[in-house]
Amino acid sequence: MERYLAESDIIDWKHPDILSLAAALSAGCRPASEIAGRCFEWVRDNVRHSWDYQLNPVTCTASDVLRHRTGYCYAKSHLLAALLRACGIPAGFCYQRLSLDGSGAPYCLHGLNAVFLPEHGWYRIDPRGNKEGIDARFTPPVERLAFSTDDSLEADLPEIWPEPLDCVVSVLRRHDDYRDVYANLPDVELVRTISVRPCAAR
C-alpha cells in the first residue's frame, strides 16, 4: 500500500500549497471516506476541465493543476491523488478506453482515480468535472463515474496504478496547447483473450 501513498515528480503532494489545501479539506473530519469525499468534490468542482473550458496552460503535476485550476481528466486525477495521499489515504490511477465522440473510432484513454476506503476497499471516483449529461459523484460503495463503456472496443481497464501511465504523462508534457493535447490523446490497444473449451469425450 506504500506505493499508493508515495510522492513523485507528478504526484508532488508534499508541495506546501497541496498540504495546505489537504489540511483545510480534512479539518474536522474523522472517517477516511468523509475526507476523500471532500477532496473529490473540491477537485471535481474547482478545477476546470481544459477541453470543456478551452483553457491553457496544459498542466501535469499536481501542484501545477492546483496553481492554474485547470487540467485534462488525467491532470485532475493527479491532483486528487496528491490531496488524498497528503491526507494519508491511499490513492491510485485507473483508466477507461472510450470512444472520443461516442460513435466508434477514434478511441482514447480517460483518466480517473481509485481510493482505498477501509470500510469498502478500493473505490473508483472520477473528478473530471460535471456538465450536461455527466454526473459523477462520491457515493460509496456504489460507483458514479462520468462515463460508461458501451461499445465492444471501449473498456474499463482493471488495473489500479500507483503512478500515471507514461503515455499520459508524455502527452501532457509534450504539448503546450490544450488543442494539441486533444488532437493527440493517448490510447492503448486492447488485448482480447480467447476462451477455449475442452472437447467433449467421444
N, C-alpha and C. Protein backbone atom coordinates (compact mmCIF):
# COMPACT_ATOMS: atom_id res chain seq x y z
N MET A 1 0.83 -1.21 0.00
CA MET A 1 0.00 0.00 0.00
C MET A 1 0.87 1.26 0.00
N GLU A 2 2.15 1.13 0.38
CA GLU A 2 3.01 2.32 0.42
C GLU A 2 3.16 3.00 -0.93
N ARG A 3 3.10 2.19 -2.01
CA ARG A 3 3.22 2.77 -3.35
C ARG A 3 2.09 3.76 -3.64
N TYR A 4 0.95 3.55 -3.01
CA TYR A 4 -0.22 4.40 -3.24
C TYR A 4 -0.27 5.60 -2.29
N LEU A 5 0.81 5.76 -1.52
CA LEU A 5 0.96 6.92 -0.65
C LEU A 5 2.21 7.72 -0.99
N ALA A 6 2.97 7.27 -1.99
CA ALA A 6 4.28 7.84 -2.28
C ALA A 6 4.16 9.21 -2.96
N GLU A 7 5.21 10.00 -2.79
CA GLU A 7 5.34 11.26 -3.51
C GLU A 7 6.21 11.02 -4.74
N SER A 8 5.98 11.78 -5.80
CA SER A 8 6.79 11.67 -7.02
C SER A 8 6.82 13.03 -7.70
N ASP A 9 7.52 13.10 -8.82
CA ASP A 9 7.58 14.36 -9.58
C ASP A 9 6.19 14.82 -10.00
N ILE A 10 5.32 13.88 -10.35
CA ILE A 10 3.97 14.22 -10.81
C ILE A 10 3.03 14.39 -9.63
N ILE A 11 3.07 13.45 -8.71
CA ILE A 11 2.18 13.49 -7.54
C ILE A 11 2.98 14.11 -6.39
N ASP A 12 3.22 15.39 -6.52
CA ASP A 12 4.10 16.10 -5.58
C ASP A 12 3.29 16.61 -4.37
N TRP A 13 2.79 15.65 -3.59
CA TRP A 13 1.83 16.01 -2.54
C TRP A 13 2.47 16.73 -1.36
N LYS A 14 3.80 16.76 -1.27
CA LYS A 14 4.44 17.50 -0.20
C LYS A 14 4.62 18.98 -0.52
N HIS A 15 4.15 19.40 -1.68
CA HIS A 15 4.18 20.82 -2.03
C HIS A 15 3.36 21.60 -1.00
N PRO A 16 3.85 22.74 -0.52
CA PRO A 16 3.13 23.48 0.54
C PRO A 16 1.69 23.81 0.22
N ASP A 17 1.39 24.15 -1.04
CA ASP A 17 0.02 24.50 -1.39
C ASP A 17 -0.92 23.29 -1.30
N ILE A 18 -0.39 22.13 -1.68
CA ILE A 18 -1.21 20.92 -1.60
C ILE A 18 -1.43 20.53 -0.14
N LEU A 19 -0.38 20.61 0.66
CA LEU A 19 -0.52 20.30 2.08
C LEU A 19 -1.51 21.24 2.76
N SER A 20 -1.47 22.51 2.39
CA SER A 20 -2.38 23.48 2.98
C SER A 20 -3.83 23.17 2.63
N LEU A 21 -4.09 22.87 1.36
CA LEU A 21 -5.45 22.56 0.95
C LEU A 21 -5.92 21.25 1.58
N ALA A 22 -5.04 20.25 1.63
CA ALA A 22 -5.41 18.98 2.24
C ALA A 22 -5.78 19.16 3.70
N ALA A 23 -5.04 20.00 4.40
CA ALA A 23 -5.35 20.26 5.82
C ALA A 23 -6.70 20.93 5.96
N ALA A 24 -7.00 21.88 5.07
CA ALA A 24 -8.28 22.57 5.14
C ALA A 24 -9.44 21.63 4.84
N LEU A 25 -9.25 20.74 3.85
CA LEU A 25 -10.33 19.84 3.46
C LEU A 25 -10.57 18.75 4.50
N SER A 26 -9.53 18.38 5.23
CA SER A 26 -9.68 17.30 6.21
C SER A 26 -10.01 17.81 7.61
N ALA A 27 -10.02 19.12 7.79
CA ALA A 27 -10.28 19.68 9.12
C ALA A 27 -11.65 19.26 9.63
N GLY A 28 -11.68 18.74 10.84
CA GLY A 28 -12.94 18.35 11.45
C GLY A 28 -13.50 17.03 10.96
N CYS A 29 -12.78 16.34 10.07
CA CYS A 29 -13.26 15.05 9.54
C CYS A 29 -12.59 13.90 10.28
N ARG A 30 -13.33 12.82 10.46
CA ARG A 30 -12.74 11.64 11.06
C ARG A 30 -12.63 10.49 10.06
N PRO A 31 -13.72 9.99 9.52
CA PRO A 31 -13.58 8.83 8.63
C PRO A 31 -12.83 9.20 7.35
N ALA A 32 -12.04 8.26 6.85
CA ALA A 32 -11.34 8.48 5.59
C ALA A 32 -12.33 8.76 4.46
N SER A 33 -13.51 8.12 4.51
CA SER A 33 -14.49 8.32 3.44
C SER A 33 -14.98 9.76 3.39
N GLU A 34 -15.11 10.40 4.55
CA GLU A 34 -15.57 11.79 4.55
C GLU A 34 -14.49 12.71 3.98
N ILE A 35 -13.25 12.49 4.35
CA ILE A 35 -12.14 13.28 3.81
C ILE A 35 -12.03 13.07 2.31
N ALA A 36 -12.11 11.81 1.89
CA ALA A 36 -11.99 11.50 0.46
C ALA A 36 -13.11 12.17 -0.34
N GLY A 37 -14.31 12.17 0.21
CA GLY A 37 -15.43 12.82 -0.48
C GLY A 37 -15.21 14.31 -0.63
N ARG A 38 -14.68 14.95 0.41
CA ARG A 38 -14.41 16.39 0.31
C ARG A 38 -13.33 16.68 -0.74
N CYS A 39 -12.27 15.87 -0.74
CA CYS A 39 -11.20 16.07 -1.73
C CYS A 39 -11.72 15.88 -3.15
N PHE A 40 -12.51 14.83 -3.34
CA PHE A 40 -13.08 14.55 -4.65
C PHE A 40 -13.93 15.72 -5.14
N GLU A 41 -14.84 16.18 -4.30
CA GLU A 41 -15.74 17.25 -4.73
C GLU A 41 -14.99 18.55 -4.99
N TRP A 42 -13.93 18.80 -4.22
CA TRP A 42 -13.17 20.03 -4.45
C TRP A 42 -12.52 20.00 -5.83
N VAL A 43 -11.87 18.90 -6.17
CA VAL A 43 -11.20 18.83 -7.47
C VAL A 43 -12.23 18.81 -8.59
N ARG A 44 -13.29 18.03 -8.43
CA ARG A 44 -14.33 17.97 -9.47
C ARG A 44 -14.90 19.34 -9.77
N ASP A 45 -15.14 20.15 -8.73
CA ASP A 45 -15.90 21.39 -8.89
C ASP A 45 -15.04 22.65 -9.02
N ASN A 46 -13.77 22.58 -8.62
CA ASN A 46 -12.96 23.80 -8.58
C ASN A 46 -11.83 23.84 -9.60
N VAL A 47 -11.56 22.73 -10.25
CA VAL A 47 -10.55 22.69 -11.31
C VAL A 47 -11.28 22.51 -12.63
N ARG A 48 -11.12 23.47 -13.52
CA ARG A 48 -11.87 23.44 -14.78
C ARG A 48 -11.21 22.52 -15.81
N HIS A 49 -12.03 21.70 -16.42
CA HIS A 49 -11.53 20.76 -17.43
C HIS A 49 -11.04 21.52 -18.66
N SER A 50 -9.81 21.24 -19.07
CA SER A 50 -9.16 22.02 -20.13
C SER A 50 -9.98 22.10 -21.41
N TRP A 51 -10.56 20.97 -21.82
CA TRP A 51 -11.31 20.97 -23.07
C TRP A 51 -12.68 21.60 -22.90
N ASP A 52 -13.35 21.31 -21.80
CA ASP A 52 -14.68 21.88 -21.57
C ASP A 52 -14.63 23.40 -21.59
N TYR A 53 -13.57 23.97 -20.99
CA TYR A 53 -13.47 25.41 -20.84
C TYR A 53 -12.50 26.04 -21.84
N GLN A 54 -11.89 25.20 -22.72
CA GLN A 54 -10.96 25.71 -23.75
C GLN A 54 -9.85 26.54 -23.10
N LEU A 55 -9.14 25.90 -22.18
CA LEU A 55 -8.18 26.63 -21.35
C LEU A 55 -6.76 26.11 -21.47
N ASN A 56 -5.82 27.02 -21.48
CA ASN A 56 -4.41 26.75 -21.24
C ASN A 56 -4.06 27.32 -19.87
N PRO A 57 -2.93 26.94 -19.28
CA PRO A 57 -1.90 26.07 -19.84
C PRO A 57 -2.25 24.59 -19.67
N VAL A 58 -1.51 23.75 -20.40
CA VAL A 58 -1.61 22.31 -20.20
C VAL A 58 -0.88 21.97 -18.90
N THR A 59 -1.55 21.34 -17.97
CA THR A 59 -0.96 21.02 -16.67
C THR A 59 -0.74 19.52 -16.53
N CYS A 60 0.21 19.16 -15.67
CA CYS A 60 0.50 17.74 -15.45
C CYS A 60 0.75 17.45 -13.97
N THR A 61 1.71 18.16 -13.36
CA THR A 61 1.99 17.90 -11.95
C THR A 61 0.82 18.36 -11.09
N ALA A 62 0.65 17.69 -9.98
CA ALA A 62 -0.46 18.05 -9.08
C ALA A 62 -0.40 19.51 -8.66
N SER A 63 0.80 19.99 -8.34
CA SER A 63 0.91 21.39 -7.88
C SER A 63 0.59 22.38 -8.99
N ASP A 64 0.92 22.05 -10.24
CA ASP A 64 0.57 22.94 -11.35
C ASP A 64 -0.94 22.96 -11.58
N VAL A 65 -1.57 21.81 -11.44
CA VAL A 65 -3.04 21.76 -11.58
C VAL A 65 -3.69 22.66 -10.53
N LEU A 66 -3.18 22.58 -9.31
CA LEU A 66 -3.74 23.42 -8.24
C LEU A 66 -3.46 24.90 -8.51
N ARG A 67 -2.26 25.20 -8.97
CA ARG A 67 -1.89 26.61 -9.20
C ARG A 67 -2.75 27.23 -10.28
N HIS A 68 -2.98 26.51 -11.37
CA HIS A 68 -3.68 27.09 -12.52
C HIS A 68 -5.18 26.78 -12.52
N ARG A 69 -5.60 25.85 -11.68
CA ARG A 69 -7.02 25.47 -11.55
C ARG A 69 -7.61 25.00 -12.88
N THR A 70 -6.79 24.34 -13.69
CA THR A 70 -7.29 23.76 -14.93
C THR A 70 -6.48 22.51 -15.25
N GLY A 71 -7.10 21.59 -15.99
CA GLY A 71 -6.39 20.38 -16.40
C GLY A 71 -7.32 19.43 -17.12
N TYR A 72 -6.73 18.58 -17.94
CA TYR A 72 -7.48 17.46 -18.53
C TYR A 72 -7.82 16.46 -17.42
N CYS A 73 -8.63 15.47 -17.73
CA CYS A 73 -9.03 14.47 -16.74
C CYS A 73 -7.81 13.85 -16.06
N TYR A 74 -6.77 13.59 -16.85
CA TYR A 74 -5.56 12.98 -16.28
C TYR A 74 -4.96 13.89 -15.21
N ALA A 75 -4.81 15.15 -15.55
CA ALA A 75 -4.19 16.10 -14.62
C ALA A 75 -5.04 16.27 -13.37
N LYS A 76 -6.36 16.31 -13.53
CA LYS A 76 -7.24 16.42 -12.36
C LYS A 76 -7.09 15.20 -11.46
N SER A 77 -6.90 14.02 -12.06
CA SER A 77 -6.69 12.83 -11.24
C SER A 77 -5.36 12.90 -10.51
N HIS A 78 -4.37 13.57 -11.10
CA HIS A 78 -3.08 13.72 -10.42
C HIS A 78 -3.24 14.57 -9.15
N LEU A 79 -4.00 15.65 -9.26
CA LEU A 79 -4.21 16.50 -8.09
C LEU A 79 -5.03 15.78 -7.03
N LEU A 80 -6.07 15.06 -7.44
CA LEU A 80 -6.89 14.36 -6.45
C LEU A 80 -6.06 13.32 -5.71
N ALA A 81 -5.23 12.57 -6.43
CA ALA A 81 -4.36 11.59 -5.76
C ALA A 81 -3.43 12.27 -4.78
N ALA A 82 -2.88 13.41 -5.16
CA ALA A 82 -1.96 14.13 -4.28
C ALA A 82 -2.67 14.59 -3.01
N LEU A 83 -3.87 15.12 -3.13
CA LEU A 83 -4.62 15.56 -1.95
C LEU A 83 -4.94 14.38 -1.03
N LEU A 84 -5.37 13.27 -1.61
CA LEU A 84 -5.69 12.11 -0.81
C LEU A 84 -4.45 11.58 -0.09
N ARG A 85 -3.34 11.50 -0.80
CA ARG A 85 -2.11 11.00 -0.19
C ARG A 85 -1.62 11.95 0.90
N ALA A 86 -1.80 13.25 0.68
CA ALA A 86 -1.42 14.21 1.71
C ALA A 86 -2.25 14.03 2.98
N CYS A 87 -3.43 13.46 2.84
CA CYS A 87 -4.29 13.17 4.00
C CYS A 87 -4.06 11.76 4.54
N GLY A 88 -3.07 11.04 3.99
CA GLY A 88 -2.77 9.69 4.45
C GLY A 88 -3.69 8.63 3.91
N ILE A 89 -4.39 8.93 2.80
CA ILE A 89 -5.34 7.99 2.21
C ILE A 89 -4.75 7.43 0.92
N PRO A 90 -4.59 6.11 0.80
CA PRO A 90 -4.02 5.54 -0.42
C PRO A 90 -4.89 5.85 -1.64
N ALA A 91 -4.23 6.23 -2.73
CA ALA A 91 -4.95 6.57 -3.96
C ALA A 91 -4.11 6.16 -5.16
N GLY A 92 -4.78 5.70 -6.20
CA GLY A 92 -4.11 5.30 -7.43
C GLY A 92 -4.84 5.80 -8.65
N PHE A 93 -4.44 5.28 -9.79
CA PHE A 93 -4.94 5.76 -11.08
C PHE A 93 -5.57 4.62 -11.86
N CYS A 94 -6.73 4.90 -12.44
CA CYS A 94 -7.46 3.97 -13.28
C CYS A 94 -7.71 4.63 -14.63
N TYR A 95 -7.98 3.81 -15.62
CA TYR A 95 -8.23 4.33 -16.96
C TYR A 95 -9.37 3.57 -17.61
N GLN A 96 -10.12 4.30 -18.41
CA GLN A 96 -11.10 3.70 -19.30
C GLN A 96 -10.66 3.99 -20.74
N ARG A 97 -10.97 3.07 -21.63
CA ARG A 97 -10.78 3.33 -23.07
C ARG A 97 -12.16 3.67 -23.62
N LEU A 98 -12.28 4.89 -24.16
CA LEU A 98 -13.57 5.39 -24.59
C LEU A 98 -13.52 5.88 -26.03
N SER A 99 -14.66 5.80 -26.69
CA SER A 99 -14.81 6.43 -27.99
C SER A 99 -14.82 7.95 -27.80
N LEU A 100 -14.05 8.65 -28.59
CA LEU A 100 -13.91 10.09 -28.40
C LEU A 100 -15.24 10.82 -28.60
N ASP A 101 -16.02 10.40 -29.58
CA ASP A 101 -17.29 11.08 -29.83
C ASP A 101 -18.50 10.19 -29.55
N GLY A 102 -18.26 9.00 -28.99
CA GLY A 102 -19.36 8.10 -28.64
C GLY A 102 -19.90 7.27 -29.78
N SER A 103 -19.20 7.28 -30.92
CA SER A 103 -19.71 6.53 -32.08
C SER A 103 -18.60 5.75 -32.78
N GLY A 104 -17.75 5.10 -31.99
CA GLY A 104 -16.66 4.33 -32.59
C GLY A 104 -15.36 5.11 -32.61
N ALA A 105 -14.46 4.68 -33.52
CA ALA A 105 -13.13 5.31 -33.60
C ALA A 105 -13.27 6.80 -33.90
N PRO A 106 -12.31 7.61 -33.42
CA PRO A 106 -11.11 7.23 -32.65
C PRO A 106 -11.42 7.01 -31.18
N TYR A 107 -10.51 6.26 -30.53
CA TYR A 107 -10.62 5.97 -29.11
C TYR A 107 -9.49 6.66 -28.34
N CYS A 108 -9.70 6.85 -27.06
CA CYS A 108 -8.66 7.45 -26.23
C CYS A 108 -8.82 6.96 -24.80
N LEU A 109 -7.78 7.17 -24.01
CA LEU A 109 -7.85 6.87 -22.59
C LEU A 109 -8.53 8.01 -21.84
N HIS A 110 -9.28 7.65 -20.82
CA HIS A 110 -9.85 8.61 -19.89
C HIS A 110 -9.31 8.28 -18.51
N GLY A 111 -8.83 9.29 -17.79
CA GLY A 111 -8.19 9.06 -16.51
C GLY A 111 -9.10 9.35 -15.33
N LEU A 112 -9.03 8.50 -14.33
CA LEU A 112 -9.79 8.68 -13.10
C LEU A 112 -8.98 8.08 -11.94
N ASN A 113 -9.56 8.01 -10.77
CA ASN A 113 -8.85 7.55 -9.59
C ASN A 113 -9.53 6.36 -8.94
N ALA A 114 -8.73 5.66 -8.12
CA ALA A 114 -9.27 4.71 -7.15
C ALA A 114 -8.73 5.12 -5.79
N VAL A 115 -9.57 5.09 -4.79
CA VAL A 115 -9.18 5.44 -3.43
C VAL A 115 -9.46 4.24 -2.53
N PHE A 116 -8.56 3.99 -1.58
CA PHE A 116 -8.79 2.86 -0.66
C PHE A 116 -9.49 3.37 0.58
N LEU A 117 -10.71 2.88 0.79
CA LEU A 117 -11.51 3.24 1.95
C LEU A 117 -11.62 2.01 2.85
N PRO A 118 -11.22 2.11 4.11
CA PRO A 118 -11.18 0.94 4.98
C PRO A 118 -12.49 0.14 5.02
N GLU A 119 -13.61 0.85 4.96
CA GLU A 119 -14.90 0.15 5.07
C GLU A 119 -15.38 -0.44 3.74
N HIS A 120 -14.75 -0.06 2.63
CA HIS A 120 -15.24 -0.51 1.32
C HIS A 120 -14.15 -1.14 0.44
N GLY A 121 -12.89 -0.94 0.75
CA GLY A 121 -11.83 -1.38 -0.15
C GLY A 121 -11.59 -0.34 -1.24
N TRP A 122 -11.06 -0.78 -2.36
CA TRP A 122 -10.80 0.14 -3.47
C TRP A 122 -12.11 0.60 -4.10
N TYR A 123 -12.19 1.89 -4.32
CA TYR A 123 -13.43 2.51 -4.83
C TYR A 123 -13.04 3.54 -5.88
N ARG A 124 -13.61 3.42 -7.09
CA ARG A 124 -13.25 4.33 -8.18
C ARG A 124 -14.08 5.61 -8.14
N ILE A 125 -13.40 6.72 -8.42
CA ILE A 125 -14.04 8.04 -8.44
C ILE A 125 -13.50 8.82 -9.63
N ASP A 126 -14.32 9.68 -10.19
CA ASP A 126 -13.96 10.38 -11.42
C ASP A 126 -14.13 11.89 -11.24
N PRO A 127 -13.02 12.63 -11.07
CA PRO A 127 -13.11 14.07 -10.80
C PRO A 127 -13.08 14.95 -12.04
N ARG A 128 -13.36 14.42 -13.24
CA ARG A 128 -13.17 15.19 -14.47
C ARG A 128 -14.03 16.46 -14.54
N GLY A 129 -15.12 16.50 -13.78
CA GLY A 129 -15.99 17.68 -13.78
C GLY A 129 -17.31 17.38 -14.45
N ASN A 130 -18.38 17.78 -13.81
CA ASN A 130 -19.72 17.51 -14.34
C ASN A 130 -20.17 18.59 -15.31
N LYS A 131 -21.05 18.20 -16.20
CA LYS A 131 -21.70 19.11 -17.14
C LYS A 131 -22.95 18.40 -17.62
N GLU A 132 -23.66 18.97 -18.57
CA GLU A 132 -24.86 18.31 -19.07
C GLU A 132 -24.54 16.92 -19.57
N GLY A 133 -25.23 15.92 -19.05
CA GLY A 133 -25.01 14.54 -19.45
C GLY A 133 -23.96 13.81 -18.65
N ILE A 134 -23.24 14.50 -17.76
CA ILE A 134 -22.22 13.88 -16.93
C ILE A 134 -22.50 14.25 -15.47
N ASP A 135 -22.61 13.22 -14.62
CA ASP A 135 -22.95 13.46 -13.22
C ASP A 135 -22.18 12.48 -12.34
N ALA A 136 -20.88 12.69 -12.22
CA ALA A 136 -20.03 11.84 -11.39
C ALA A 136 -20.16 12.26 -9.94
N ARG A 137 -20.25 11.27 -9.05
CA ARG A 137 -20.45 11.56 -7.63
C ARG A 137 -19.65 10.60 -6.76
N PHE A 138 -19.58 10.96 -5.48
CA PHE A 138 -18.92 10.13 -4.47
C PHE A 138 -20.01 9.50 -3.62
N THR A 139 -20.33 8.23 -3.91
CA THR A 139 -21.43 7.55 -3.22
C THR A 139 -21.04 6.12 -2.87
N PRO A 140 -19.94 5.92 -2.11
CA PRO A 140 -19.51 4.56 -1.83
C PRO A 140 -20.57 3.78 -1.06
N PRO A 141 -20.70 2.47 -1.34
CA PRO A 141 -19.86 1.67 -2.23
C PRO A 141 -20.30 1.67 -3.69
N VAL A 142 -21.32 2.45 -4.04
CA VAL A 142 -21.82 2.49 -5.42
C VAL A 142 -20.98 3.46 -6.23
N GLU A 143 -20.49 3.01 -7.39
CA GLU A 143 -19.72 3.89 -8.27
C GLU A 143 -20.65 4.79 -9.07
N ARG A 144 -20.27 6.07 -9.17
CA ARG A 144 -20.99 7.02 -10.03
C ARG A 144 -19.95 7.73 -10.88
N LEU A 145 -19.51 7.06 -11.94
CA LEU A 145 -18.45 7.59 -12.80
C LEU A 145 -19.04 8.49 -13.87
N ALA A 146 -18.16 9.24 -14.53
CA ALA A 146 -18.60 10.16 -15.57
C ALA A 146 -19.08 9.42 -16.82
N PHE A 147 -18.44 8.29 -17.13
CA PHE A 147 -18.73 7.59 -18.38
C PHE A 147 -18.91 6.10 -18.14
N SER A 148 -19.74 5.49 -18.98
CA SER A 148 -19.85 4.03 -19.02
C SER A 148 -19.20 3.54 -20.31
N THR A 149 -18.81 2.29 -20.32
CA THR A 149 -18.21 1.71 -21.53
C THR A 149 -19.28 0.90 -22.22
N ASP A 150 -19.60 1.29 -23.45
CA ASP A 150 -20.76 0.73 -24.13
C ASP A 150 -20.44 -0.11 -25.36
N ASP A 151 -19.51 0.35 -26.21
CA ASP A 151 -19.28 -0.45 -27.42
C ASP A 151 -18.15 -1.46 -27.18
N SER A 152 -17.97 -2.37 -28.14
CA SER A 152 -17.09 -3.52 -27.93
C SER A 152 -15.62 -3.14 -27.80
N LEU A 153 -15.24 -1.97 -28.28
CA LEU A 153 -13.84 -1.55 -28.21
C LEU A 153 -13.60 -0.53 -27.09
N GLU A 154 -14.62 -0.24 -26.31
CA GLU A 154 -14.43 0.53 -25.08
C GLU A 154 -14.19 -0.45 -23.94
N ALA A 155 -13.56 0.03 -22.88
CA ALA A 155 -13.25 -0.89 -21.78
C ALA A 155 -12.95 -0.13 -20.51
N ASP A 156 -13.31 -0.75 -19.37
CA ASP A 156 -12.83 -0.35 -18.06
C ASP A 156 -11.55 -1.14 -17.81
N LEU A 157 -10.41 -0.51 -17.86
CA LEU A 157 -9.17 -1.22 -17.62
C LEU A 157 -9.08 -1.56 -16.13
N PRO A 158 -8.74 -2.81 -15.79
CA PRO A 158 -8.89 -3.26 -14.40
C PRO A 158 -7.79 -2.81 -13.44
N GLU A 159 -6.66 -2.35 -13.97
CA GLU A 159 -5.53 -2.05 -13.09
C GLU A 159 -5.75 -0.79 -12.25
N ILE A 160 -5.12 -0.79 -11.08
CA ILE A 160 -5.01 0.42 -10.26
C ILE A 160 -3.52 0.73 -10.18
N TRP A 161 -3.10 1.78 -10.85
CA TRP A 161 -1.68 2.10 -10.97
C TRP A 161 -1.26 3.06 -9.86
N PRO A 162 -0.07 2.86 -9.28
CA PRO A 162 0.41 3.80 -8.27
C PRO A 162 0.90 5.12 -8.85
N GLU A 163 1.25 5.10 -10.15
CA GLU A 163 1.69 6.31 -10.85
C GLU A 163 0.95 6.42 -12.18
N PRO A 164 0.78 7.62 -12.71
CA PRO A 164 0.13 7.76 -14.02
C PRO A 164 0.89 7.02 -15.11
N LEU A 165 0.18 6.57 -16.13
CA LEU A 165 0.82 5.88 -17.25
C LEU A 165 1.77 6.82 -17.98
N ASP A 166 2.88 6.25 -18.47
CA ASP A 166 3.88 7.05 -19.18
C ASP A 166 3.30 7.73 -20.41
N CYS A 167 2.39 7.03 -21.13
CA CYS A 167 1.83 7.62 -22.35
C CYS A 167 0.99 8.85 -22.03
N VAL A 168 0.38 8.87 -20.85
CA VAL A 168 -0.41 10.02 -20.43
C VAL A 168 0.50 11.19 -20.09
N VAL A 169 1.51 10.93 -19.28
CA VAL A 169 2.45 11.98 -18.89
C VAL A 169 3.15 12.56 -20.11
N SER A 170 3.52 11.70 -21.07
CA SER A 170 4.21 12.15 -22.27
C SER A 170 3.38 13.15 -23.06
N VAL A 171 2.10 12.86 -23.24
CA VAL A 171 1.23 13.78 -23.99
C VAL A 171 1.11 15.13 -23.28
N LEU A 172 0.94 15.09 -21.97
CA LEU A 172 0.78 16.35 -21.23
C LEU A 172 2.06 17.18 -21.22
N ARG A 173 3.19 16.52 -21.23
CA ARG A 173 4.45 17.25 -21.19
C ARG A 173 4.94 17.67 -22.57
N ARG A 174 4.44 17.01 -23.59
CA ARG A 174 4.93 17.30 -24.95
C ARG A 174 4.21 18.48 -25.59
N HIS A 175 3.02 18.79 -25.12
CA HIS A 175 2.21 19.81 -25.78
C HIS A 175 1.95 21.00 -24.86
N ASP A 176 1.95 22.18 -25.45
CA ASP A 176 1.75 23.42 -24.69
C ASP A 176 0.34 23.99 -24.82
N ASP A 177 -0.45 23.43 -25.74
CA ASP A 177 -1.78 23.98 -26.01
C ASP A 177 -2.82 22.88 -25.86
N TYR A 178 -3.95 23.19 -25.21
CA TYR A 178 -4.98 22.19 -24.95
C TYR A 178 -5.51 21.57 -26.23
N ARG A 179 -5.48 22.33 -27.36
CA ARG A 179 -5.95 21.78 -28.63
C ARG A 179 -5.02 20.70 -29.16
N ASP A 180 -3.73 20.87 -28.93
CA ASP A 180 -2.77 19.85 -29.35
C ASP A 180 -2.90 18.58 -28.52
N VAL A 181 -3.19 18.73 -27.23
CA VAL A 181 -3.44 17.55 -26.40
C VAL A 181 -4.65 16.79 -26.94
N TYR A 182 -5.72 17.51 -27.22
CA TYR A 182 -6.95 16.87 -27.72
C TYR A 182 -6.69 16.12 -29.02
N ALA A 183 -5.84 16.67 -29.87
CA ALA A 183 -5.52 16.03 -31.15
C ALA A 183 -4.60 14.83 -30.99
N ASN A 184 -4.03 14.64 -29.81
CA ASN A 184 -3.06 13.56 -29.59
C ASN A 184 -3.36 12.79 -28.31
N LEU A 185 -4.64 12.66 -27.97
CA LEU A 185 -4.99 11.97 -26.74
C LEU A 185 -4.44 10.54 -26.73
N PRO A 186 -3.92 10.09 -25.59
CA PRO A 186 -3.31 8.75 -25.54
C PRO A 186 -4.35 7.65 -25.67
N ASP A 187 -3.89 6.52 -26.17
CA ASP A 187 -4.76 5.35 -26.34
C ASP A 187 -3.91 4.10 -26.10
N VAL A 188 -4.56 3.00 -25.83
CA VAL A 188 -3.89 1.71 -25.72
C VAL A 188 -4.68 0.70 -26.54
N GLU A 189 -4.00 -0.31 -27.01
CA GLU A 189 -4.67 -1.37 -27.76
C GLU A 189 -5.18 -2.42 -26.79
N LEU A 190 -6.42 -2.81 -26.96
CA LEU A 190 -6.99 -3.84 -26.09
C LEU A 190 -6.49 -5.22 -26.52
N VAL A 191 -6.20 -6.03 -25.54
CA VAL A 191 -5.79 -7.40 -25.80
C VAL A 191 -6.94 -8.31 -25.38
N ARG A 192 -7.50 -9.00 -26.34
CA ARG A 192 -8.62 -9.89 -26.06
C ARG A 192 -8.10 -11.31 -25.87
N THR A 193 -8.60 -11.98 -24.85
CA THR A 193 -8.23 -13.38 -24.64
C THR A 193 -9.32 -14.27 -25.22
N ILE A 194 -8.92 -15.39 -25.74
CA ILE A 194 -9.86 -16.34 -26.33
C ILE A 194 -10.04 -17.51 -25.38
N SER A 195 -11.28 -17.75 -25.03
CA SER A 195 -11.57 -18.86 -24.13
C SER A 195 -11.81 -20.12 -24.97
N VAL A 196 -11.08 -21.19 -24.64
CA VAL A 196 -11.19 -22.43 -25.38
C VAL A 196 -11.76 -23.51 -24.47
N ARG A 197 -12.85 -24.11 -24.89
CA ARG A 197 -13.45 -25.17 -24.10
C ARG A 197 -12.81 -26.51 -24.50
N PRO A 198 -12.56 -27.36 -23.53
CA PRO A 198 -12.04 -28.69 -23.89
C PRO A 198 -13.08 -29.47 -24.68
N CYS A 199 -12.59 -30.28 -25.62
CA CYS A 199 -13.50 -31.08 -26.43
C CYS A 199 -14.16 -32.14 -25.57
N ALA A 200 -15.42 -32.39 -25.84
CA ALA A 200 -16.12 -33.45 -25.12
C ALA A 200 -15.59 -34.80 -25.54
N ALA A 201 -15.49 -35.71 -24.59
CA ALA A 201 -15.03 -37.06 -24.90
C ALA A 201 -16.02 -37.77 -25.80
N ARG A 202 -15.49 -38.57 -26.71
CA ARG A 202 -16.37 -39.30 -27.62
C ARG A 202 -16.32 -40.77 -27.32
